[in-house]
Amino acid sequence: NKLSSLEPSHLPRSLRALILTSNRLSSIPPGLSGLPNLLKLMVAQNRLESLPADLHECKKLELLRAANNHLTHIPPSLWAMPALAWVALSGSPAMAQPPRLRDPPLKMDDFEVGAQI
């Protein structure tokens, strides 16, 4: 595959899965929020340096495969996406350190038996 650019506005709004694995994409421009039914985004093995700025607006997104890219930053909003259940980001510089889901990290003393998180 040799795809090196993508224009989200040219994609059908009814799109449920976007599979762009093993291409030459260095970025995905904003516009994925215009795909309200997007469930799966597969962009592994590209040259991505960042994830789309509006990715968090894809409220139905369940699966994100973005492993083996050149990602240097993972936006914190990614971890707050309501439907996102499966994420693959390994093989990128940003994953050299595990993501911190909360700063400061939670400690066992922060919980009490029977407490609801």
PDB file of N, CA and C in Angstrom:
ATOM      1  N   ASN A   1       0.838  -1.180   0.000  1.00  0.00           N
ATOM      2  CA  ASN A   1       0.000   0.000   0.000  1.00  0.00           C
ATOM      3  C   ASN A   1       0.877   1.235   0.000  1.00  0.00           C
ATOM      4  N   LYS A   2       0.461   2.247  -0.708  1.00  0.00           N
ATOM      5  CA  LYS A   2       1.290   3.433  -0.855  1.00  0.00           C
ATOM      6  C   LYS A   2       0.549   4.730  -0.562  1.00  0.00           C
ATOM      7  N   LEU A   3      -0.565   4.646   0.126  1.00  0.00           N
ATOM      8  CA  LEU A   3      -1.344   5.836   0.434  1.00  0.00           C
ATOM      9  C   LEU A   3      -0.532   6.765   1.333  1.00  0.00           C
ATOM     10  N   SER A   4      -0.350   8.018   0.904  1.00  0.00           N
ATOM     11  CA  SER A   4       0.448   8.956   1.694  1.00  0.00           C
ATOM     12  C   SER A   4      -0.368  10.131   2.234  1.00  0.00           C
ATOM     13  N   SER A   5      -1.620  10.252   1.836  1.00  0.00           N
ATOM     14  CA  SER A   5      -2.465  11.318   2.365  1.00  0.00           C
ATOM     15  C   SER A   5      -3.911  10.836   2.413  1.00  0.00           C
ATOM     16  N   LEU A   6      -4.677  11.519   3.238  1.00  0.00           N
ATOM     17  CA  LEU A   6      -6.083  11.172   3.432  1.00  0.00           C
ATOM     18  C   LEU A   6      -6.867  12.446   3.661  1.00  0.00           C
ATOM     19  N   GLU A   7      -8.015  12.532   3.053  1.00  0.00           N
ATOM     20  CA  GLU A   7      -8.906  13.670   3.265  1.00  0.00           C
ATOM     21  C   GLU A   7     -10.208  13.138   3.859  1.00  0.00           C
ATOM     22  N   PRO A   8     -10.378  13.247   5.191  1.00  0.00           N
ATOM     23  CA  PRO A   8     -11.578  12.708   5.826  1.00  0.00           C
ATOM     24  C   PRO A   8     -12.889  13.224   5.252  1.00  0.00           C
ATOM     25  N   SER A   9     -12.904  14.433   4.733  1.00  0.00           N
ATOM     26  CA  SER A   9     -14.154  14.983   4.202  1.00  0.00           C
ATOM     27  C   SER A   9     -14.627  14.242   2.954  1.00  0.00           C
ATOM     28  N   HIS A  10     -13.753  13.451   2.335  1.00  0.00           N
ATOM     29  CA  HIS A  10     -14.137  12.675   1.157  1.00  0.00           C
ATOM     30  C   HIS A  10     -14.689  11.297   1.511  1.00  0.00           C
ATOM     31  N   LEU A  11     -14.703  10.967   2.789  1.00  0.00           N
ATOM     32  CA  LEU A  11     -15.188   9.659   3.224  1.00  0.00           C
ATOM     33  C   LEU A  11     -16.685   9.721   3.508  1.00  0.00           C
ATOM     34  N   PRO A  12     -17.406   8.630   3.261  1.00  0.00           N
ATOM     35  CA  PRO A  12     -18.853   8.647   3.536  1.00  0.00           C
ATOM     36  C   PRO A  12     -19.139   8.739   5.033  1.00  0.00           C
ATOM     37  N   ARG A  13     -20.109   9.548   5.401  1.00  0.00           N
ATOM     38  CA  ARG A  13     -20.459   9.748   6.817  1.00  0.00           C
ATOM     39  C   ARG A  13     -20.925   8.466   7.481  1.00  0.00           C
ATOM     40  N   SER A  14     -21.384   7.505   6.724  1.00  0.00           N
ATOM     41  CA  SER A  14     -21.881   6.240   7.273  1.00  0.00           C
ATOM     42  C   SER A  14     -20.764   5.230   7.548  1.00  0.00           C
ATOM     43  N   LEU A  15     -19.523   5.592   7.256  1.00  0.00           N
ATOM     44  CA  LEU A  15     -18.382   4.680   7.415  1.00  0.00           C
ATOM     45  C   LEU A  15     -18.284   4.167   8.852  1.00  0.00           C
ATOM     46  N   ARG A  16     -18.136   2.845   8.996  1.00  0.00           N
ATOM     47  CA  ARG A  16     -18.040   2.233  10.318  1.00  0.00           C
ATOM     48  C   ARG A  16     -16.622   1.745  10.625  1.00  0.00           C
ATOM     49  N   ALA A  17     -15.855   1.411   9.600  1.00  0.00           N
ATOM     50  CA  ALA A  17     -14.479   0.935   9.796  1.00  0.00           C
ATOM     51  C   ALA A  17     -13.579   1.586   8.760  1.00  0.00           C
ATOM     52  N   LEU A  18     -12.471   2.140   9.238  1.00  0.00           N
ATOM     53  CA  LEU A  18     -11.488   2.763   8.362  1.00  0.00           C
ATOM     54  C   LEU A  18     -10.182   2.008   8.547  1.00  0.00           C
ATOM     55  N   ILE A  19      -9.793   1.258   7.533  1.00  0.00           N
ATOM     56  CA  ILE A  19      -8.612   0.404   7.617  1.00  0.00           C
ATOM     57  C   ILE A  19      -7.552   0.952   6.668  1.00  0.00           C
ATOM     58  N   LEU A  20      -6.511   1.513   7.256  1.00  0.00           N
ATOM     59  CA  LEU A  20      -5.428   2.135   6.501  1.00  0.00           C
ATOM     60  C   LEU A  20      -4.073   1.553   6.909  1.00  0.00           C
ATOM     61  N   THR A  21      -4.067   0.309   7.309  1.00  0.00           N
ATOM     62  CA  THR A  21      -2.855  -0.356   7.788  1.00  0.00           C
ATOM     63  C   THR A  21      -1.815  -0.469   6.673  1.00  0.00           C
ATOM     64  N   SER A  22      -0.550  -0.323   7.053  1.00  0.00           N
ATOM     65  CA  SER A  22       0.601  -0.522   6.154  1.00  0.00           C
ATOM     66  C   SER A  22       0.581   0.413   4.950  1.00  0.00           C
ATOM     67  N   ASN A  23       0.470   1.703   5.225  1.00  0.00           N
ATOM     68  CA  ASN A  23       0.565   2.711   4.180  1.00  0.00           C
ATOM     69  C   ASN A  23       1.724   3.643   4.502  1.00  0.00           C
ATOM     70  N   ARG A  24       1.697   4.826   3.935  1.00  0.00           N
ATOM     71  CA  ARG A  24       2.762   5.807   4.140  1.00  0.00           C
ATOM     72  C   ARG A  24       2.219   7.111   4.723  1.00  0.00           C
ATOM     73  N   LEU A  25       1.179   7.004   5.519  1.00  0.00           N
ATOM     74  CA  LEU A  25       0.562   8.196   6.098  1.00  0.00           C
ATOM     75  C   LEU A  25       1.445   8.785   7.191  1.00  0.00           C
ATOM     76  N   SER A  26       1.722  10.071   7.108  1.00  0.00           N
ATOM     77  CA  SER A  26       2.469  10.741   8.178  1.00  0.00           C
ATOM     78  C   SER A  26       1.521  11.518   9.080  1.00  0.00           C
ATOM     79  N   SER A  27       0.293  11.736   8.619  1.00  0.00           N
ATOM     80  CA  SER A  27      -0.707  12.418   9.436  1.00  0.00           C
ATOM     81  C   SER A  27      -2.099  12.088   8.917  1.00  0.00           C
ATOM     82  N   ILE A  28      -3.048  12.306   9.798  1.00  0.00           N
ATOM     83  CA  ILE A  28      -4.461  12.230   9.433  1.00  0.00           C
ATOM     84  C   ILE A  28      -5.032  13.583   9.814  1.00  0.00           C
ATOM     85  N   PRO A  29      -5.436  14.360   8.831  1.00  0.00           N
ATOM     86  CA  PRO A  29      -5.926  15.706   9.155  1.00  0.00           C
ATOM     87  C   PRO A  29      -7.228  15.654   9.937  1.00  0.00           C
ATOM     88  N   PRO A  30      -7.561  16.734  10.647  1.00  0.00           N
ATOM     89  CA  PRO A  30      -8.835  16.790  11.362  1.00  0.00           C
ATOM     90  C   PRO A  30      -9.991  16.528  10.398  1.00  0.00           C
ATOM     91  N   GLY A  31     -11.037  15.964  10.925  1.00  0.00           N
ATOM     92  CA  GLY A  31     -12.204  15.689  10.106  1.00  0.00           C
ATOM     93  C   GLY A  31     -12.847  14.354  10.427  1.00  0.00           C
ATOM     94  N   LEU A  32     -12.181  13.538  11.247  1.00  0.00           N
ATOM     95  CA  LEU A  32     -12.767  12.257  11.613  1.00  0.00           C
ATOM     96  C   LEU A  32     -14.048  12.446  12.423  1.00  0.00           C
ATOM     97  N   SER A  33     -14.191  13.581  13.063  1.00  0.00           N
ATOM     98  CA  SER A  33     -15.416  13.844  13.826  1.00  0.00           C
ATOM     99  C   SER A  33     -16.634  13.905  12.905  1.00  0.00           C
ATOM    100  N   GLY A  34     -16.399  14.044  11.614  1.00  0.00           N
ATOM    101  CA  GLY A  34     -17.473  14.027  10.635  1.00  0.00           C
ATOM    102  C   GLY A  34     -17.930  12.622  10.287  1.00  0.00           C
ATOM    103  N   LEU A  35     -17.365  11.618  10.977  1.00  0.00           N
ATOM    104  CA  LEU A  35     -17.745  10.224  10.769  1.00  0.00           C
ATOM    105  C   LEU A  35     -18.415   9.711  12.046  1.00  0.00           C
ATOM    106  N   PRO A  36     -19.670  10.052  12.271  1.00  0.00           N
ATOM    107  CA  PRO A  36     -20.319   9.752  13.546  1.00  0.00           C
ATOM    108  C   PRO A  36     -20.515   8.261  13.830  1.00  0.00           C
ATOM    109  N   ASN A  37     -20.421   7.408  12.826  1.00  0.00           N
ATOM    110  CA  ASN A  37     -20.631   5.970  13.014  1.00  0.00           C
ATOM    111  C   ASN A  37     -19.334   5.172  13.055  1.00  0.00           C
ATOM    112  N   LEU A  38     -18.187   5.855  13.067  1.00  0.00           N
ATOM    113  CA  LEU A  38     -16.903   5.163  13.040  1.00  0.00           C
ATOM    114  C   LEU A  38     -16.707   4.329  14.308  1.00  0.00           C
ATOM    115  N   LEU A  39     -16.530   3.021  14.122  1.00  0.00           N
ATOM    116  CA  LEU A  39     -16.322   2.090  15.229  1.00  0.00           C
ATOM    117  C   LEU A  39     -14.875   1.621  15.315  1.00  0.00           C
ATOM    118  N   LYS A  40     -14.223   1.479  14.159  1.00  0.00           N
ATOM    119  CA  LYS A  40     -12.865   0.927  14.114  1.00  0.00           C
ATOM    120  C   LYS A  40     -11.970   1.809  13.261  1.00  0.00           C
ATOM    121  N   LEU A  41     -10.819   2.154  13.822  1.00  0.00           N
ATOM    122  CA  LEU A  41      -9.808   2.911  13.093  1.00  0.00           C
ATOM    123  C   LEU A  41      -8.513   2.127  13.164  1.00  0.00           C
ATOM    124  N   MET A  42      -8.063   1.649  12.020  1.00  0.00           N
ATOM    125  CA  MET A  42      -6.842   0.847  11.952  1.00  0.00           C
ATOM    126  C   MET A  42      -5.825   1.581  11.097  1.00  0.00           C
ATOM    127  N   VAL A  43      -4.820   2.130  11.753  1.00  0.00           N
ATOM    128  CA  VAL A  43      -3.781   2.904  11.066  1.00  0.00           C
ATOM    129  C   VAL A  43      -2.380   2.413  11.455  1.00  0.00           C
ATOM    130  N   ALA A  44      -2.278   1.150  11.836  1.00  0.00           N
ATOM    131  CA  ALA A  44      -0.983   0.580  12.222  1.00  0.00           C
ATOM    132  C   ALA A  44      -0.031   0.567  11.031  1.00  0.00           C
ATOM    133  N   GLN A  45       1.241   0.576  11.341  1.00  0.00           N
ATOM    134  CA  GLN A  45       2.320   0.467  10.356  1.00  0.00           C
ATOM    135  C   GLN A  45       2.250   1.557   9.287  1.00  0.00           C
ATOM    136  N   ASN A  46       2.204   2.788   9.764  1.00  0.00           N
ATOM    137  CA  ASN A  46       2.294   3.953   8.900  1.00  0.00           C
ATOM    138  C   ASN A  46       3.467   4.792   9.388  1.00  0.00           C
ATOM    139  N   ARG A  47       3.402   6.069   9.166  1.00  0.00           N
ATOM    140  CA  ARG A  47       4.452   6.997   9.617  1.00  0.00           C
ATOM    141  C   ARG A  47       3.851   8.119  10.451  1.00  0.00           C
ATOM    142  N   LEU A  48       2.739   7.815  11.106  1.00  0.00           N
ATOM    143  CA  LEU A  48       2.020   8.833  11.869  1.00  0.00           C
ATOM    144  C   LEU A  48       2.858   9.369  13.019  1.00  0.00           C
ATOM    145  N   GLU A  49       2.904  10.684  13.143  1.00  0.00           N
ATOM    146  CA  GLU A  49       3.602  11.328  14.247  1.00  0.00           C
ATOM    147  C   GLU A  49       2.637  11.746  15.340  1.00  0.00           C
ATOM    148  N   SER A  50       1.354  11.815  15.009  1.00  0.00           N
ATOM    149  CA  SER A  50       0.333  12.166  16.001  1.00  0.00           C
ATOM    150  C   SER A  50      -1.001  11.570  15.559  1.00  0.00           C
ATOM    151  N   LEU A  51      -1.907  11.500  16.511  1.00  0.00           N
ATOM    152  CA  LEU A  51      -3.262  11.066  16.213  1.00  0.00           C
ATOM    153  C   LEU A  51      -4.095  12.293  15.853  1.00  0.00           C
ATOM    154  N   PRO A  52      -5.173  12.133  15.117  1.00  0.00           N
ATOM    155  CA  PRO A  52      -5.980  13.300  14.737  1.00  0.00           C
ATOM    156  C   PRO A  52      -6.466  14.074  15.962  1.00  0.00           C
ATOM    157  N   ALA A  53      -6.419  15.380  15.873  1.00  0.00           N
ATOM    158  CA  ALA A  53      -6.789  16.238  17.005  1.00  0.00           C
ATOM    159  C   ALA A  53      -8.232  16.036  17.433  1.00  0.00           C
ATOM    160  N   ASP A  54      -9.097  15.669  16.497  1.00  0.00           N
ATOM    161  CA  ASP A  54     -10.512  15.526  16.825  1.00  0.00           C
ATOM    162  C   ASP A  54     -10.920  14.069  17.051  1.00  0.00           C
ATOM    163  N   LEU A  55      -9.968  13.195  17.247  1.00  0.00           N
ATOM    164  CA  LEU A  55     -10.280  11.774  17.432  1.00  0.00           C
ATOM    165  C   LEU A  55     -11.227  11.557  18.600  1.00  0.00           C
ATOM    166  N   HIS A  56     -11.062  12.317  19.676  1.00  0.00           N
ATOM    167  CA  HIS A  56     -11.910  12.154  20.862  1.00  0.00           C
ATOM    168  C   HIS A  56     -13.387  12.449  20.579  1.00  0.00           C
ATOM    169  N   GLU A  57     -13.677  13.087  19.456  1.00  0.00           N
ATOM    170  CA  GLU A  57     -15.057  13.380  19.090  1.00  0.00           C
ATOM    171  C   GLU A  57     -15.748  12.197  18.399  1.00  0.00           C
ATOM    172  N   CYS A  58     -15.011  11.142  18.140  1.00  0.00           N
ATOM    173  CA  CYS A  58     -15.596   9.924  17.557  1.00  0.00           C
ATOM    174  C   CYS A  58     -16.160   9.103  18.716  1.00  0.00           C
ATOM    175  N   LYS A  59     -17.325   9.475  19.169  1.00  0.00           N
ATOM    176  CA  LYS A  59     -17.914   8.923  20.396  1.00  0.00           C
ATOM    177  C   LYS A  59     -18.204   7.431  20.327  1.00  0.00           C
ATOM    178  N   LYS A  60     -18.363   6.865  19.145  1.00  0.00           N
ATOM    179  CA  LYS A  60     -18.664   5.442  19.005  1.00  0.00           C
ATOM    180  C   LYS A  60     -17.425   4.586  18.770  1.00  0.00           C
ATOM    181  N   LEU A  61     -16.256   5.203  18.643  1.00  0.00           N
ATOM    182  CA  LEU A  61     -15.040   4.448  18.340  1.00  0.00           C
ATOM    183  C   LEU A  61     -14.765   3.419  19.431  1.00  0.00           C
ATOM    184  N   GLU A  62     -14.660   2.157  19.025  1.00  0.00           N
ATOM    185  CA  GLU A  62     -14.430   1.053  19.948  1.00  0.00           C
ATOM    186  C   GLU A  62     -13.011   0.500  19.860  1.00  0.00           C
ATOM    187  N   LEU A  63     -12.406   0.605  18.683  1.00  0.00           N
ATOM    188  CA  LEU A  63     -11.108  -0.018  18.455  1.00  0.00           C
ATOM    189  C   LEU A  63     -10.184   0.951  17.744  1.00  0.00           C
ATOM    190  N   LEU A  64      -8.969   1.081  18.264  1.00  0.00           N
ATOM    191  CA  LEU A  64      -7.937   1.909  17.642  1.00  0.00           C
ATOM    192  C   LEU A  64      -6.661   1.092  17.548  1.00  0.00           C
ATOM    193  N   ARG A  65      -6.230   0.804  16.330  1.00  0.00           N
ATOM    194  CA  ARG A  65      -4.955   0.128  16.094  1.00  0.00           C
ATOM    195  C   ARG A  65      -4.023   1.133  15.444  1.00  0.00           C
ATOM    196  N   ALA A  66      -3.081   1.659  16.216  1.00  0.00           N
ATOM    197  CA  ALA A  66      -2.130   2.642  15.702  1.00  0.00           C
ATOM    198  C   ALA A  66      -0.705   2.235  16.063  1.00  0.00           C
ATOM    199  N   ALA A  67      -0.467   0.944  16.218  1.00  0.00           N
ATOM    200  CA  ALA A  67       0.859   0.439  16.579  1.00  0.00           C
ATOM    201  C   ALA A  67       1.843   0.636  15.423  1.00  0.00           C
ATOM    202  N   ASN A  68       3.116   0.645  15.782  1.00  0.00           N
ATOM    203  CA  ASN A  68       4.208   0.736  14.805  1.00  0.00           C
ATOM    204  C   ASN A  68       4.099   1.971  13.911  1.00  0.00           C
ATOM    205  N   ASN A  69       4.007   3.112  14.567  1.00  0.00           N
ATOM    206  CA  ASN A  69       4.035   4.410  13.908  1.00  0.00           C
ATOM    207  C   ASN A  69       5.158   5.224  14.536  1.00  0.00           C
ATOM    208  N   HIS A  70       5.157   6.502  14.326  1.00  0.00           N
ATOM    209  CA  HIS A  70       6.174   7.393  14.887  1.00  0.00           C
ATOM    210  C   HIS A  70       5.550   8.334  15.913  1.00  0.00           C
ATOM    211  N   LEU A  71       4.510   7.865  16.589  1.00  0.00           N
ATOM    212  CA  LEU A  71       3.798   8.703  17.551  1.00  0.00           C
ATOM    213  C   LEU A  71       4.717   9.157  18.676  1.00  0.00           C
ATOM    214  N   THR A  72       4.724  10.451  18.931  1.00  0.00           N
ATOM    215  CA  THR A  72       5.539  10.995  20.018  1.00  0.00           C
ATOM    216  C   THR A  72       4.679  11.469  21.182  1.00  0.00           C
ATOM    217  N   HIS A  73       3.367  11.535  20.979  1.00  0.00           N
ATOM    218  CA  HIS A  73       2.458  12.029  22.015  1.00  0.00           C
ATOM    219  C   HIS A  73       1.119  11.316  21.874  1.00  0.00           C
ATOM    220  N   ILE A  74       0.580  10.897  22.995  1.00  0.00           N
ATOM    221  CA  ILE A  74      -0.751  10.306  23.028  1.00  0.00           C
ATOM    222  C   ILE A  74      -1.649  11.295  23.781  1.00  0.00           C
ATOM    223  N   PRO A  75      -2.663  11.843  23.127  1.00  0.00           N
ATOM    224  CA  PRO A  75      -3.492  12.837  23.810  1.00  0.00           C
ATOM    225  C   PRO A  75      -4.245  12.221  24.984  1.00  0.00           C
ATOM    226  N   PRO A  76      -4.247  12.871  26.144  1.00  0.00           N
ATOM    227  CA  PRO A  76      -4.971  12.343  27.311  1.00  0.00           C
ATOM    228  C   PRO A  76      -6.453  12.109  27.040  1.00  0.00           C
ATOM    229  N   SER A  77      -7.032  12.862  26.117  1.00  0.00           N
ATOM    230  CA  SER A  77      -8.455  12.694  25.805  1.00  0.00           C
ATOM    231  C   SER A  77      -8.761  11.306  25.247  1.00  0.00           C
ATOM    232  N   LEU A  78      -7.755  10.627  24.735  1.00  0.00           N
ATOM    233  CA  LEU A  78      -7.950   9.278  24.209  1.00  0.00           C
ATOM    234  C   LEU A  78      -8.487   8.348  25.283  1.00  0.00           C
ATOM    235  N   TRP A  79      -7.959   8.464  26.491  1.00  0.00           N
ATOM    236  CA  TRP A  79      -8.332   7.554  27.582  1.00  0.00           C
ATOM    237  C   TRP A  79      -9.726   7.848  28.133  1.00  0.00           C
ATOM    238  N   ALA A  80     -10.329   8.945  27.734  1.00  0.00           N
ATOM    239  CA  ALA A  80     -11.664   9.291  28.212  1.00  0.00           C
ATOM    240  C   ALA A  80     -12.751   9.002  27.177  1.00  0.00           C
ATOM    241  N   MET A  81     -12.397   8.396  26.074  1.00  0.00           N
ATOM    242  CA  MET A  81     -13.384   8.108  25.028  1.00  0.00           C
ATOM    243  C   MET A  81     -14.345   7.033  25.531  1.00  0.00           C
ATOM    244  N   PRO A  82     -15.641   7.300  25.496  1.00  0.00           N
ATOM    245  CA  PRO A  82     -16.614   6.438  26.165  1.00  0.00           C
ATOM    246  C   PRO A  82     -16.727   5.006  25.643  1.00  0.00           C
ATOM    247  N   ALA A  83     -16.591   4.775  24.362  1.00  0.00           N
ATOM    248  CA  ALA A  83     -16.789   3.428  23.809  1.00  0.00           C
ATOM    249  C   ALA A  83     -15.480   2.697  23.542  1.00  0.00           C
ATOM    250  N   LEU A  84     -14.354   3.398  23.641  1.00  0.00           N
ATOM    251  CA  LEU A  84     -13.066   2.804  23.273  1.00  0.00           C
ATOM    252  C   LEU A  84     -12.703   1.672  24.225  1.00  0.00           C
ATOM    253  N   ALA A  85     -12.637   0.459  23.687  1.00  0.00           N
ATOM    254  CA  ALA A  85     -12.378  -0.729  24.500  1.00  0.00           C
ATOM    255  C   ALA A  85     -11.072  -1.417  24.141  1.00  0.00           C
ATOM    256  N   TRP A  86     -10.519  -1.149  22.949  1.00  0.00           N
ATOM    257  CA  TRP A  86      -9.313  -1.847  22.510  1.00  0.00           C
ATOM    258  C   TRP A  86      -8.394  -0.843  21.843  1.00  0.00           C
ATOM    259  N   VAL A  87      -7.169  -0.713  22.378  1.00  0.00           N
ATOM    260  CA  VAL A  87      -6.189   0.246  21.862  1.00  0.00           C
ATOM    261  C   VAL A  87      -4.851  -0.459  21.689  1.00  0.00           C
ATOM    262  N   ALA A  88      -4.230  -0.293  20.534  1.00  0.00           N
ATOM    263  CA  ALA A  88      -2.887  -0.815  20.287  1.00  0.00           C
ATOM    264  C   ALA A  88      -2.010   0.342  19.820  1.00  0.00           C
ATOM    265  N   LEU A  89      -1.005   0.671  20.632  1.00  0.00           N
ATOM    266  CA  LEU A  89      -0.118   1.798  20.331  1.00  0.00           C
ATOM    267  C   LEU A  89       1.356   1.420  20.401  1.00  0.00           C
ATOM    268  N   SER A  90       1.663   0.168  20.602  1.00  0.00           N
ATOM    269  CA  SER A  90       3.057  -0.245  20.791  1.00  0.00           C
ATOM    270  C   SER A  90       3.897   0.052  19.548  1.00  0.00           C
ATOM    271  N   GLY A  91       5.196   0.130  19.762  1.00  0.00           N
ATOM    272  CA  GLY A  91       6.115   0.334  18.654  1.00  0.00           C
ATOM    273  C   GLY A  91       6.284   1.778  18.227  1.00  0.00           C
ATOM    274  N   SER A  92       5.870   2.717  19.049  1.00  0.00           N
ATOM    275  CA  SER A  92       6.044   4.144  18.772  1.00  0.00           C
ATOM    276  C   SER A  92       6.825   4.776  19.914  1.00  0.00           C
ATOM    277  N   PRO A  93       7.571   5.844  19.648  1.00  0.00           N
ATOM    278  CA  PRO A  93       8.351   6.493  20.710  1.00  0.00           C
ATOM    279  C   PRO A  93       7.521   6.893  21.928  1.00  0.00           C
ATOM    280  N   ALA A  94       6.278   7.277  21.727  1.00  0.00           N
ATOM    281  CA  ALA A  94       5.427   7.699  22.852  1.00  0.00           C
ATOM    282  C   ALA A  94       5.176   6.559  23.821  1.00  0.00           C
ATOM    283  N   MET A  95       5.333   5.337  23.381  1.00  0.00           N
ATOM    284  CA  MET A  95       5.038   4.193  24.230  1.00  0.00           C
ATOM    285  C   MET A  95       6.286   3.662  24.938  1.00  0.00           C
ATOM    286  N   ALA A  96       7.394   4.359  24.840  1.00  0.00           N
ATOM    287  CA  ALA A  96       8.596   3.959  25.569  1.00  0.00           C
ATOM    288  C   ALA A  96       8.336   4.014  27.064  1.00  0.00           C
ATOM    289  N   GLN A  97       7.497   4.949  27.479  1.00  0.00           N
ATOM    290  CA  GLN A  97       7.035   5.047  28.854  1.00  0.00           C
ATOM    291  C   GLN A  97       5.555   4.733  28.853  1.00  0.00           C
ATOM    292  N   PRO A  98       5.069   3.903  29.767  1.00  0.00           N
ATOM    293  CA  PRO A  98       3.637   3.611  29.788  1.00  0.00           C
ATOM    294  C   PRO A  98       2.825   4.881  30.037  1.00  0.00           C
ATOM    295  N   PRO A  99       1.643   4.973  29.433  1.00  0.00           N
ATOM    296  CA  PRO A  99       0.821   6.174  29.639  1.00  0.00           C
ATOM    297  C   PRO A  99       0.360   6.285  31.078  1.00  0.00           C
ATOM    298  N   ARG A 100       0.281   7.510  31.565  1.00  0.00           N
ATOM    299  CA  ARG A 100      -0.242   7.761  32.910  1.00  0.00           C
ATOM    300  C   ARG A 100      -1.690   8.144  32.760  1.00  0.00           C
ATOM    301  N   LEU A 101      -2.524   7.368  33.361  1.00  0.00           N
ATOM    302  CA  LEU A 101      -3.946   7.622  33.248  1.00  0.00           C
ATOM    303  C   LEU A 101      -4.399   8.720  34.192  1.00  0.00           C
ATOM    304  N   ARG A 102      -3.599   8.971  35.215  1.00  0.00           N
ATOM    305  CA  ARG A 102      -3.941  10.015  36.166  1.00  0.00           C
ATOM    306  C   ARG A 102      -2.651  10.575  36.753  1.00  0.00           C
ATOM    307  N   ASP A 103      -2.612  11.846  36.962  1.00  0.00           N
ATOM    308  CA  ASP A 103      -1.439  12.475  37.540  1.00  0.00           C
ATOM    309  C   ASP A 103      -1.891  13.241  38.774  1.00  0.00           C
ATOM    310  N   PRO A 104      -1.471  12.936  39.973  1.00  0.00           N
ATOM    311  CA  PRO A 104      -0.546  11.855  40.307  1.00  0.00           C
ATOM    312  C   PRO A 104      -1.250  10.495  40.234  1.00  0.00           C
ATOM    313  N   PRO A 105      -0.464   9.424  40.111  1.00  0.00           N
ATOM    314  CA  PRO A 105      -1.078   8.099  40.015  1.00  0.00           C
ATOM    315  C   PRO A 105      -1.827   7.735  41.293  1.00  0.00           C
ATOM    316  N   LEU A 106      -2.832   6.893  41.140  1.00  0.00           N
ATOM    317  CA  LEU A 106      -3.599   6.432  42.299  1.00  0.00           C
ATOM    318  C   LEU A 106      -2.760   5.505  43.163  1.00  0.00           C
ATOM    319  N   LYS A 107      -3.002   5.565  44.473  1.00  0.00           N
ATOM    320  CA  LYS A 107      -2.338   4.668  45.424  1.00  0.00           C
ATOM    321  C   LYS A 107      -3.425   3.868  46.119  1.00  0.00           C
ATOM    322  N   MET A 108      -3.065   2.747  46.671  1.00  0.00           N
ATOM    323  CA  MET A 108      -4.040   1.905  47.355  1.00  0.00           C
ATOM    324  C   MET A 108      -4.736   2.669  48.483  1.00  0.00           C
ATOM    325  N   ASP A 109      -4.042   3.601  49.113  1.00  0.00           N
ATOM    326  CA  ASP A 109      -4.637   4.388  50.194  1.00  0.00           C
ATOM    327  C   ASP A 109      -5.765   5.297  49.692  1.00  0.00           C
ATOM    328  N   ASP A 110      -5.847   5.515  48.359  1.00  0.00           N
ATOM    329  CA  ASP A 110      -6.879   6.344  47.790  1.00  0.00           C
ATOM    330  C   ASP A 110      -8.237   5.650  47.745  1.00  0.00           C
ATOM    331  N   PHE A 111      -8.260   4.355  48.027  1.00  0.00           N
ATOM    332  CA  PHE A 111      -9.490   3.567  47.940  1.00  0.00           C
ATOM    333  C   PHE A 111      -9.934   3.119  49.325  1.00  0.00           C
ATOM    334  N   GLU A 112     -11.204   2.918  49.452  1.00  0.00           N
ATOM    335  CA  GLU A 112     -11.729   2.293  50.668  1.00  0.00           C
ATOM    336  C   GLU A 112     -12.676   1.193  50.254  1.00  0.00           C
ATOM    337  N   VAL A 113     -12.747   0.151  51.037  1.00  0.00           N
ATOM    338  CA  VAL A 113     -13.583  -0.996  50.739  1.00  0.00           C
ATOM    339  C   VAL A 113     -15.022  -0.545  50.615  1.00  0.00           C
ATOM    340  N   GLY A 114     -15.677  -0.970  49.539  1.00  0.00           N
ATOM    341  CA  GLY A 114     -17.064  -0.606  49.319  1.00  0.00           C
ATOM    342  C   GLY A 114     -17.241   0.724  48.623  1.00  0.00           C
ATOM    343  N   ALA A 115     -16.174   1.487  48.415  1.00  0.00           N
ATOM    344  CA  ALA A 115     -16.268   2.779  47.761  1.00  0.00           C
ATOM    345  C   ALA A 115     -16.482   2.560  46.257  1.00  0.00           C
ATOM    346  N   GLN A 116     -17.224   3.459  45.656  1.00  0.00           N
ATOM    347  CA  GLN A 116     -17.468   3.374  44.233  1.00  0.00           C
ATOM    348  C   GLN A 116     -16.557   4.393  43.555  1.00  0.00           C
ATOM    349  N   ILE A 117     -15.879   3.963  42.526  1.00  0.00           N
ATOM    350  CA  ILE A 117     -14.948   4.833  41.810  1.00  0.00           C
ATOM    351  C   ILE A 117     -15.697   5.614  40.760  1.00  0.00           C
TER     352      ILE A 117
END
